[in-house]
Amino acid sequence: MKQSLFDEIGGMPTFQKVHKIFYDKVYAHEWLGQFYIGHNQEIIEQKQSMFMAVKMGGDVKYTGR
C-alpha cells in the first residue's frame, strides 16, 4: 500500500515544526505581525497543521472553520 504524502514527509511532527517556524517569523514581522495581534499563535499553528495534514492525506480530523 502506498503511503500518503502526509506520511512520506514525516506526519504531524513535520507540520508542527514548519508552522512553528513560519508563524514565529510572521508574528515577529513588523508589518505582517499587526494582522495577528490578539490572536493566539499556538491555536493558529495547530489549525494550520491539521488543515494541511488533511489536504495531504493524513488521518486527521480538521476542526477549524
PDB file of N, CA and C in Angstrom:
ATOM      1  N   MET A   1       0.844  -1.185   0.000  1.00  0.00           N
ATOM      2  CA  MET A   1       0.000   0.000   0.000  1.00  0.00           C
ATOM      3  C   MET A   1       0.888   1.247   0.000  1.00  0.00           C
ATOM      4  N   LYS A   2       0.554   2.177  -0.853  1.00  0.00           N
ATOM      5  CA  LYS A   2       1.332   3.404  -0.995  1.00  0.00           C
ATOM      6  C   LYS A   2       1.042   4.357   0.161  1.00  0.00           C
ATOM      7  N   GLN A   3       2.116   4.961   0.697  1.00  0.00           N
ATOM      8  CA  GLN A   3       1.964   5.935   1.771  1.00  0.00           C
ATOM      9  C   GLN A   3       1.410   7.248   1.216  1.00  0.00           C
ATOM     10  N   SER A   4       0.690   7.962   2.076  1.00  0.00           N
ATOM     11  CA  SER A   4       0.222   9.287   1.687  1.00  0.00           C
ATOM     12  C   SER A   4       1.391  10.257   1.755  1.00  0.00           C
ATOM     13  N   LEU A   5       1.245  11.391   1.124  1.00  0.00           N
ATOM     14  CA  LEU A   5       2.264  12.435   1.194  1.00  0.00           C
ATOM     15  C   LEU A   5       2.484  12.844   2.649  1.00  0.00           C
ATOM     16  N   PHE A   6       1.404  12.880   3.403  1.00  0.00           N
ATOM     17  CA  PHE A   6       1.466  13.195   4.833  1.00  0.00           C
ATOM     18  C   PHE A   6       2.461  12.273   5.542  1.00  0.00           C
ATOM     19  N   ASP A   7       2.356  10.982   5.312  1.00  0.00           N
ATOM     20  CA  ASP A   7       3.254  10.008   5.941  1.00  0.00           C
ATOM     21  C   ASP A   7       4.682  10.105   5.389  1.00  0.00           C
ATOM     22  N   GLU A   8       4.794  10.336   4.106  1.00  0.00           N
ATOM     23  CA  GLU A   8       6.113  10.412   3.482  1.00  0.00           C
ATOM     24  C   GLU A   8       6.957  11.556   4.032  1.00  0.00           C
ATOM     25  N   ILE A   9       6.333  12.674   4.381  1.00  0.00           N
ATOM     26  CA  ILE A   9       7.115  13.820   4.868  1.00  0.00           C
ATOM     27  C   ILE A   9       7.309  13.826   6.377  1.00  0.00           C
ATOM     28  N   GLY A  10       6.758  12.841   7.059  1.00  0.00           N
ATOM     29  CA  GLY A  10       7.012  12.743   8.497  1.00  0.00           C
ATOM     30  C   GLY A  10       5.820  12.980   9.391  1.00  0.00           C
ATOM     31  N   GLY A  11       4.647  13.119   8.806  1.00  0.00           N
ATOM     32  CA  GLY A  11       3.426  13.243   9.592  1.00  0.00           C
ATOM     33  C   GLY A  11       3.304  14.562  10.347  1.00  0.00           C
ATOM     34  N   MET A  12       2.483  14.546  11.378  1.00  0.00           N
ATOM     35  CA  MET A  12       2.146  15.747  12.125  1.00  0.00           C
ATOM     36  C   MET A  12       3.361  16.456  12.730  1.00  0.00           C
ATOM     37  N   PRO A  13       4.378  15.746  13.248  1.00  0.00           N
ATOM     38  CA  PRO A  13       5.535  16.467  13.791  1.00  0.00           C
ATOM     39  C   PRO A  13       6.196  17.401  12.770  1.00  0.00           C
ATOM     40  N   THR A  14       6.222  16.991  11.511  1.00  0.00           N
ATOM     41  CA  THR A  14       6.806  17.843  10.480  1.00  0.00           C
ATOM     42  C   THR A  14       5.972  19.096  10.270  1.00  0.00           C
ATOM     43  N   PHE A  15       4.665  18.941  10.189  1.00  0.00           N
ATOM     44  CA  PHE A  15       3.792  20.102  10.020  1.00  0.00           C
ATOM     45  C   PHE A  15       3.917  21.058  11.206  1.00  0.00           C
ATOM     46  N   GLN A  16       3.975  20.509  12.398  1.00  0.00           N
ATOM     47  CA  GLN A  16       4.079  21.349  13.590  1.00  0.00           C
ATOM     48  C   GLN A  16       5.377  22.156  13.584  1.00  0.00           C
ATOM     49  N   LYS A  17       6.479  21.548  13.189  1.00  0.00           N
ATOM     50  CA  LYS A  17       7.762  22.260  13.118  1.00  0.00           C
ATOM     51  C   LYS A  17       7.715  23.372  12.074  1.00  0.00           C
ATOM     52  N   VAL A  18       7.197  23.033  10.904  1.00  0.00           N
ATOM     53  CA  VAL A  18       7.125  24.007   9.812  1.00  0.00           C
ATOM     54  C   VAL A  18       6.267  25.202  10.206  1.00  0.00           C
ATOM     55  N   HIS A  19       5.105  24.939  10.778  1.00  0.00           N
ATOM     56  CA  HIS A  19       4.203  26.039  11.118  1.00  0.00           C
ATOM     57  C   HIS A  19       4.697  26.852  12.312  1.00  0.00           C
ATOM     58  N   LYS A  20       5.416  26.234  13.217  1.00  0.00           N
ATOM     59  CA  LYS A  20       6.020  26.973  14.335  1.00  0.00           C
ATOM     60  C   LYS A  20       7.042  27.975  13.793  1.00  0.00           C
ATOM     61  N   ILE A  21       7.925  27.520  12.931  1.00  0.00           N
ATOM     62  CA  ILE A  21       8.933  28.398  12.345  1.00  0.00           C
ATOM     63  C   ILE A  21       8.274  29.514  11.535  1.00  0.00           C
ATOM     64  N   PHE A  22       7.311  29.141  10.690  1.00  0.00           N
ATOM     65  CA  PHE A  22       6.638  30.118   9.843  1.00  0.00           C
ATOM     66  C   PHE A  22       5.943  31.195  10.675  1.00  0.00           C
ATOM     67  N   TYR A  23       5.131  30.788  11.646  1.00  0.00           N
ATOM     68  CA  TYR A  23       4.370  31.772  12.414  1.00  0.00           C
ATOM     69  C   TYR A  23       5.243  32.551  13.400  1.00  0.00           C
ATOM     70  N   ASP A  24       6.352  31.999  13.855  1.00  0.00           N
ATOM     71  CA  ASP A  24       7.305  32.786  14.653  1.00  0.00           C
ATOM     72  C   ASP A  24       7.781  33.980  13.823  1.00  0.00           C
ATOM     73  N   LYS A  25       8.063  33.734  12.555  1.00  0.00           N
ATOM     74  CA  LYS A  25       8.542  34.806  11.674  1.00  0.00           C
ATOM     75  C   LYS A  25       7.429  35.785  11.335  1.00  0.00           C
ATOM     76  N   VAL A  26       6.232  35.286  11.090  1.00  0.00           N
ATOM     77  CA  VAL A  26       5.108  36.163  10.757  1.00  0.00           C
ATOM     78  C   VAL A  26       4.777  37.069  11.946  1.00  0.00           C
ATOM     79  N   TYR A  27       4.689  36.510  13.131  1.00  0.00           N
ATOM     80  CA  TYR A  27       4.347  37.301  14.318  1.00  0.00           C
ATOM     81  C   TYR A  27       5.430  38.335  14.633  1.00  0.00           C
ATOM     82  N   ALA A  28       6.682  38.028  14.327  1.00  0.00           N
ATOM     83  CA  ALA A  28       7.783  38.950  14.602  1.00  0.00           C
ATOM     84  C   ALA A  28       7.927  40.027  13.527  1.00  0.00           C
ATOM     85  N   HIS A  29       7.328  39.814  12.379  1.00  0.00           N
ATOM     86  CA  HIS A  29       7.462  40.754  11.271  1.00  0.00           C
ATOM     87  C   HIS A  29       6.775  42.075  11.616  1.00  0.00           C
ATOM     88  N   GLU A  30       7.443  43.157  11.318  1.00  0.00           N
ATOM     89  CA  GLU A  30       6.944  44.490  11.672  1.00  0.00           C
ATOM     90  C   GLU A  30       5.569  44.788  11.078  1.00  0.00           C
ATOM     91  N   TRP A  31       5.360  44.448   9.833  1.00  0.00           N
ATOM     92  CA  TRP A  31       4.100  44.761   9.168  1.00  0.00           C
ATOM     93  C   TRP A  31       3.081  43.623   9.292  1.00  0.00           C
ATOM     94  N   LEU A  32       3.488  42.409   8.944  1.00  0.00           N
ATOM     95  CA  LEU A  32       2.554  41.277   8.981  1.00  0.00           C
ATOM     96  C   LEU A  32       2.069  40.965  10.392  1.00  0.00           C
ATOM     97  N   GLY A  33       2.943  41.141  11.365  1.00  0.00           N
ATOM     98  CA  GLY A  33       2.581  40.848  12.748  1.00  0.00           C
ATOM     99  C   GLY A  33       1.379  41.625  13.237  1.00  0.00           C
ATOM    100  N   GLN A  34       1.141  42.796  12.651  1.00  0.00           N
ATOM    101  CA  GLN A  34      -0.002  43.621  13.056  1.00  0.00           C
ATOM    102  C   GLN A  34      -1.339  42.912  12.831  1.00  0.00           C
ATOM    103  N   PHE A  35      -1.397  42.063  11.809  1.00  0.00           N
ATOM    104  CA  PHE A  35      -2.646  41.368  11.488  1.00  0.00           C
ATOM    105  C   PHE A  35      -2.962  40.246  12.479  1.00  0.00           C
ATOM    106  N   TYR A  36      -1.988  39.885  13.293  1.00  0.00           N
ATOM    107  CA  TYR A  36      -2.157  38.771  14.220  1.00  0.00           C
ATOM    108  C   TYR A  36      -2.244  39.204  15.677  1.00  0.00           C
ATOM    109  N   ILE A  37      -2.236  40.493  15.920  1.00  0.00           N
ATOM    110  CA  ILE A  37      -2.350  40.981  17.294  1.00  0.00           C
ATOM    111  C   ILE A  37      -3.674  40.493  17.878  1.00  0.00           C
ATOM    112  N   GLY A  38      -3.613  39.905  19.058  1.00  0.00           N
ATOM    113  CA  GLY A  38      -4.815  39.402  19.721  1.00  0.00           C
ATOM    114  C   GLY A  38      -5.219  37.995  19.314  1.00  0.00           C
ATOM    115  N   HIS A  39      -4.449  37.371  18.442  1.00  0.00           N
ATOM    116  CA  HIS A  39      -4.748  36.005  18.004  1.00  0.00           C
ATOM    117  C   HIS A  39      -3.694  35.067  18.571  1.00  0.00           C
ATOM    118  N   ASN A  40      -4.134  33.985  19.163  1.00  0.00           N
ATOM    119  CA  ASN A  40      -3.245  33.022  19.804  1.00  0.00           C
ATOM    120  C   ASN A  40      -2.447  32.254  18.752  1.00  0.00           C
ATOM    121  N   GLN A  41      -1.143  32.423  18.782  1.00  0.00           N
ATOM    122  CA  GLN A  41      -0.268  31.803  17.791  1.00  0.00           C
ATOM    123  C   GLN A  41      -0.339  30.286  17.842  1.00  0.00           C
ATOM    124  N   GLU A  42      -0.371  29.708  19.022  1.00  0.00           N
ATOM    125  CA  GLU A  42      -0.400  28.247  19.133  1.00  0.00           C
ATOM    126  C   GLU A  42      -1.656  27.658  18.494  1.00  0.00           C
ATOM    127  N   ILE A  43      -2.779  28.314  18.665  1.00  0.00           N
ATOM    128  CA  ILE A  43      -4.029  27.828  18.070  1.00  0.00           C
ATOM    129  C   ILE A  43      -3.962  27.918  16.547  1.00  0.00           C
ATOM    130  N   ILE A  44      -3.437  29.019  16.046  1.00  0.00           N
ATOM    131  CA  ILE A  44      -3.305  29.181  14.596  1.00  0.00           C
ATOM    132  C   ILE A  44      -2.377  28.115  14.023  1.00  0.00           C
ATOM    133  N   GLU A  45      -1.259  27.870  14.686  1.00  0.00           N
ATOM    134  CA  GLU A  45      -0.321  26.835  14.233  1.00  0.00           C
ATOM    135  C   GLU A  45      -0.996  25.469  14.207  1.00  0.00           C
ATOM    136  N   GLN A  46      -1.719  25.163  15.261  1.00  0.00           N
ATOM    137  CA  GLN A  46      -2.384  23.862  15.359  1.00  0.00           C
ATOM    138  C   GLN A  46      -3.421  23.685  14.248  1.00  0.00           C
ATOM    139  N   LYS A  47      -4.256  24.705  14.024  1.00  0.00           N
ATOM    140  CA  LYS A  47      -5.288  24.601  12.992  1.00  0.00           C
ATOM    141  C   LYS A  47      -4.676  24.488  11.601  1.00  0.00           C
ATOM    142  N   GLN A  48      -3.611  25.248  11.355  1.00  0.00           N
ATOM    143  CA  GLN A  48      -2.956  25.178  10.049  1.00  0.00           C
ATOM    144  C   GLN A  48      -2.332  23.798   9.830  1.00  0.00           C
ATOM    145  N   SER A  49      -1.731  23.243  10.875  1.00  0.00           N
ATOM    146  CA  SER A  49      -1.136  21.912  10.765  1.00  0.00           C
ATOM    147  C   SER A  49      -2.203  20.859  10.484  1.00  0.00           C
ATOM    148  N   MET A  50      -3.331  20.938  11.172  1.00  0.00           N
ATOM    149  CA  MET A  50      -4.414  19.979  10.932  1.00  0.00           C
ATOM    150  C   MET A  50      -4.974  20.126   9.523  1.00  0.00           C
ATOM    151  N   PHE A  51      -5.175  21.359   9.075  1.00  0.00           N
ATOM    152  CA  PHE A  51      -5.705  21.609   7.733  1.00  0.00           C
ATOM    153  C   PHE A  51      -4.792  21.007   6.666  1.00  0.00           C
ATOM    154  N   MET A  52      -3.503  21.289   6.764  1.00  0.00           N
ATOM    155  CA  MET A  52      -2.553  20.780   5.778  1.00  0.00           C
ATOM    156  C   MET A  52      -2.440  19.250   5.841  1.00  0.00           C
ATOM    157  N   ALA A  53      -2.525  18.698   7.037  1.00  0.00           N
ATOM    158  CA  ALA A  53      -2.464  17.238   7.193  1.00  0.00           C
ATOM    159  C   ALA A  53      -3.609  16.570   6.447  1.00  0.00           C
ATOM    160  N   VAL A  54      -4.798  17.103   6.589  1.00  0.00           N
ATOM    161  CA  VAL A  54      -5.963  16.540   5.901  1.00  0.00           C
ATOM    162  C   VAL A  54      -5.779  16.645   4.393  1.00  0.00           C
ATOM    163  N   LYS A  55      -5.302  17.787   3.923  1.00  0.00           N
ATOM    164  CA  LYS A  55      -5.129  18.006   2.479  1.00  0.00           C
ATOM    165  C   LYS A  55      -4.060  17.100   1.873  1.00  0.00           C
ATOM    166  N   MET A  56      -3.137  16.612   2.710  1.00  0.00           N
ATOM    167  CA  MET A  56      -2.064  15.748   2.205  1.00  0.00           C
ATOM    168  C   MET A  56      -2.281  14.283   2.549  1.00  0.00           C
ATOM    169  N   GLY A  57      -3.520  13.932   2.917  1.00  0.00           N
ATOM    170  CA  GLY A  57      -3.863  12.528   3.092  1.00  0.00           C
ATOM    171  C   GLY A  57      -3.696  11.968   4.483  1.00  0.00           C
ATOM    172  N   GLY A  58      -3.503  12.820   5.464  1.00  0.00           N
ATOM    173  CA  GLY A  58      -3.363  12.354   6.839  1.00  0.00           C
ATOM    174  C   GLY A  58      -4.693  11.956   7.443  1.00  0.00           C
ATOM    175  N   ASP A  59      -4.635  11.044   8.364  1.00  0.00           N
ATOM    176  CA  ASP A  59      -5.839  10.585   9.068  1.00  0.00           C
ATOM    177  C   ASP A  59      -6.065  11.502  10.275  1.00  0.00           C
ATOM    178  N   VAL A  60      -6.388  12.753   9.976  1.00  0.00           N
ATOM    179  CA  VAL A  60      -6.550  13.794  10.989  1.00  0.00           C
ATOM    180  C   VAL A  60      -7.877  14.467  10.761  1.00  0.00           C
ATOM    181  N   LYS A  61      -8.584  14.776  11.821  1.00  0.00           N
ATOM    182  CA  LYS A  61      -9.850  15.474  11.675  1.00  0.00           C
ATOM    183  C   LYS A  61      -9.600  16.972  11.861  1.00  0.00           C
ATOM    184  N   TYR A  62      -9.928  17.748  10.836  1.00  0.00           N
ATOM    185  CA  TYR A  62      -9.776  19.196  10.882  1.00  0.00           C
ATOM    186  C   TYR A  62     -11.002  19.794  11.540  1.00  0.00           C
ATOM    187  N   THR A  63     -10.803  20.539  12.614  1.00  0.00           N
ATOM    188  CA  THR A  63     -11.927  21.092  13.377  1.00  0.00           C
ATOM    189  C   THR A  63     -12.044  22.609  13.209  1.00  0.00           C
ATOM    190  N   GLY A  64     -11.298  23.173  12.290  1.00  0.00           N
ATOM    191  CA  GLY A  64     -11.335  24.626  12.100  1.00  0.00           C
ATOM    192  C   GLY A  64     -12.465  25.051  11.198  1.00  0.00           C
ATOM    193  N   ARG A  65     -12.479  26.356  10.950  1.00  0.00           N
ATOM    194  CA  ARG A  65     -13.513  26.913  10.071  1.00  0.00           C
ATOM    195  C   ARG A  65     -13.092  26.820   8.635  1.00  0.00           C
TER     196      ARG A  65
END
